[in-house]
Amino acid sequence: MINPTGQGALVSPDSVLHRAAERLAQQFAGMVNEETVERVVFESLERTHD
């Protein structure tokens, strides 16, 4: 990812997951709420580390 100064920047995993959850929540709007999507995204990641 390029920051406003044009230099490469590290992105925290949490911020990436939050953005992914936001996109998924938009995609599934009306079926599940944003909090549920975010919980599932983060719980899925935790399961991969067990």
N, C-alpha and C. Protein backbone atom coordinates (compact mmCIF):
# COMPACT_ATOMS: atom_id res chain seq x y z
N MET A 1 0.85 -1.18 0.00
CA MET A 1 0.00 0.00 0.00
C MET A 1 0.89 1.24 0.00
N ILE A 2 0.48 2.24 -0.73
CA ILE A 2 1.24 3.49 -0.81
C ILE A 2 0.54 4.54 0.06
N ASN A 3 1.30 5.18 0.94
CA ASN A 3 0.72 6.22 1.77
C ASN A 3 0.75 7.56 1.02
N PRO A 4 0.14 8.62 1.57
CA PRO A 4 0.07 9.90 0.86
C PRO A 4 1.43 10.49 0.48
N THR A 5 2.49 10.09 1.16
CA THR A 5 3.82 10.62 0.82
C THR A 5 4.45 9.87 -0.33
N GLY A 6 3.77 8.80 -0.79
CA GLY A 6 4.29 8.02 -1.89
C GLY A 6 5.21 6.89 -1.47
N GLN A 7 5.38 6.71 -0.18
CA GLN A 7 6.24 5.65 0.33
C GLN A 7 5.39 4.44 0.70
N GLY A 8 5.99 3.26 0.60
CA GLY A 8 5.28 2.06 1.01
C GLY A 8 5.01 2.10 2.50
N ALA A 9 3.88 1.56 2.91
CA ALA A 9 3.52 1.58 4.32
C ALA A 9 3.00 0.20 4.73
N LEU A 10 3.28 -0.16 5.95
CA LEU A 10 2.73 -1.39 6.49
C LEU A 10 1.31 -1.14 6.93
N VAL A 11 0.44 -2.09 6.68
CA VAL A 11 -0.96 -1.97 7.07
C VAL A 11 -1.21 -3.01 8.14
N SER A 12 -1.84 -2.59 9.21
CA SER A 12 -2.10 -3.54 10.29
C SER A 12 -3.13 -4.57 9.85
N PRO A 13 -2.96 -5.81 10.29
CA PRO A 13 -3.92 -6.85 9.93
C PRO A 13 -5.34 -6.51 10.36
N ASP A 14 -5.48 -5.87 11.53
CA ASP A 14 -6.81 -5.50 12.00
C ASP A 14 -7.49 -4.52 11.06
N SER A 15 -6.75 -3.55 10.55
CA SER A 15 -7.37 -2.58 9.65
C SER A 15 -7.80 -3.24 8.34
N VAL A 16 -7.02 -4.20 7.88
CA VAL A 16 -7.39 -4.94 6.67
C VAL A 16 -8.65 -5.75 6.93
N LEU A 17 -8.73 -6.40 8.07
CA LEU A 17 -9.92 -7.20 8.40
C LEU A 17 -11.15 -6.32 8.57
N HIS A 18 -10.98 -5.16 9.18
CA HIS A 18 -12.12 -4.24 9.33
C HIS A 18 -12.64 -3.80 7.97
N ARG A 19 -11.74 -3.48 7.06
CA ARG A 19 -12.17 -3.07 5.71
C ARG A 19 -12.86 -4.22 4.98
N ALA A 20 -12.32 -5.41 5.12
CA ALA A 20 -12.95 -6.58 4.49
C ALA A 20 -14.35 -6.80 5.07
N ALA A 21 -14.48 -6.67 6.39
CA ALA A 21 -15.78 -6.84 7.03
C ALA A 21 -16.77 -5.77 6.55
N GLU A 22 -16.30 -4.55 6.37
CA GLU A 22 -17.18 -3.49 5.87
C GLU A 22 -17.69 -3.82 4.47
N ARG A 23 -16.79 -4.29 3.60
CA ARG A 23 -17.20 -4.66 2.24
C ARG A 23 -18.19 -5.82 2.25
N LEU A 24 -17.91 -6.82 3.07
CA LEU A 24 -18.82 -7.96 3.16
C LEU A 24 -20.18 -7.55 3.73
N ALA A 25 -20.16 -6.67 4.72
CA ALA A 25 -21.42 -6.20 5.31
C ALA A 25 -22.26 -5.48 4.26
N GLN A 26 -21.63 -4.71 3.40
CA GLN A 26 -22.38 -4.05 2.32
C GLN A 26 -22.95 -5.09 1.36
N GLN A 27 -22.16 -6.09 1.05
CA GLN A 27 -22.59 -7.13 0.12
C GLN A 27 -23.78 -7.91 0.69
N PHE A 28 -23.79 -8.14 2.00
CA PHE A 28 -24.84 -8.94 2.62
C PHE A 28 -25.84 -8.10 3.42
N ALA A 29 -25.91 -6.82 3.11
CA ALA A 29 -26.85 -5.92 3.79
C ALA A 29 -28.27 -6.47 3.65
N GLY A 30 -29.00 -6.42 4.74
CA GLY A 30 -30.36 -6.94 4.74
C GLY A 30 -30.43 -8.40 5.17
N MET A 31 -29.30 -9.09 5.13
CA MET A 31 -29.26 -10.50 5.56
C MET A 31 -28.66 -10.62 6.95
N VAL A 32 -27.53 -9.94 7.16
CA VAL A 32 -26.86 -9.92 8.47
C VAL A 32 -26.35 -8.51 8.72
N ASN A 33 -26.19 -8.15 9.99
CA ASN A 33 -25.71 -6.80 10.28
C ASN A 33 -24.18 -6.75 10.28
N GLU A 34 -23.65 -5.54 10.28
CA GLU A 34 -22.20 -5.35 10.17
C GLU A 34 -21.44 -5.97 11.33
N GLU A 35 -22.01 -5.91 12.54
CA GLU A 35 -21.33 -6.48 13.70
C GLU A 35 -21.17 -7.99 13.56
N THR A 36 -22.19 -8.65 13.02
CA THR A 36 -22.11 -10.10 12.82
C THR A 36 -21.03 -10.45 11.81
N VAL A 37 -20.99 -9.70 10.72
CA VAL A 37 -19.96 -9.95 9.69
C VAL A 37 -18.57 -9.77 10.29
N GLU A 38 -18.38 -8.70 11.04
CA GLU A 38 -17.07 -8.44 11.63
C GLU A 38 -16.67 -9.55 12.61
N ARG A 39 -17.62 -9.99 13.42
CA ARG A 39 -17.35 -11.06 14.37
C ARG A 39 -16.94 -12.34 13.63
N VAL A 40 -17.66 -12.68 12.57
CA VAL A 40 -17.34 -13.90 11.81
C VAL A 40 -15.96 -13.79 11.17
N VAL A 41 -15.64 -12.63 10.62
CA VAL A 41 -14.33 -12.44 9.98
C VAL A 41 -13.22 -12.64 11.00
N PHE A 42 -13.34 -12.00 12.16
CA PHE A 42 -12.27 -12.10 13.16
C PHE A 42 -12.21 -13.49 13.79
N GLU A 43 -13.37 -14.13 14.03
CA GLU A 43 -13.36 -15.47 14.58
C GLU A 43 -12.76 -16.47 13.60
N SER A 44 -13.01 -16.26 12.32
CA SER A 44 -12.44 -17.14 11.30
C SER A 44 -10.92 -17.05 11.31
N LEU A 45 -10.41 -15.85 11.44
CA LEU A 45 -8.96 -15.69 11.51
C LEU A 45 -8.39 -16.38 12.74
N GLU A 46 -9.06 -16.22 13.88
CA GLU A 46 -8.59 -16.86 15.11
C GLU A 46 -8.54 -18.38 14.94
N ARG A 47 -9.53 -18.95 14.28
CA ARG A 47 -9.57 -20.41 14.08
C ARG A 47 -8.41 -20.89 13.22
N THR A 48 -7.94 -20.06 12.31
CA THR A 48 -6.84 -20.49 11.46
C THR A 48 -5.53 -20.53 12.22
N HIS A 49 -5.47 -19.84 13.36
CA HIS A 49 -4.24 -19.81 14.16
C HIS A 49 -4.24 -20.86 15.27
N ASP A 50 -5.35 -21.57 15.42
CA ASP A 50 -5.42 -22.61 16.48
C ASP A 50 -4.80 -23.90 16.03
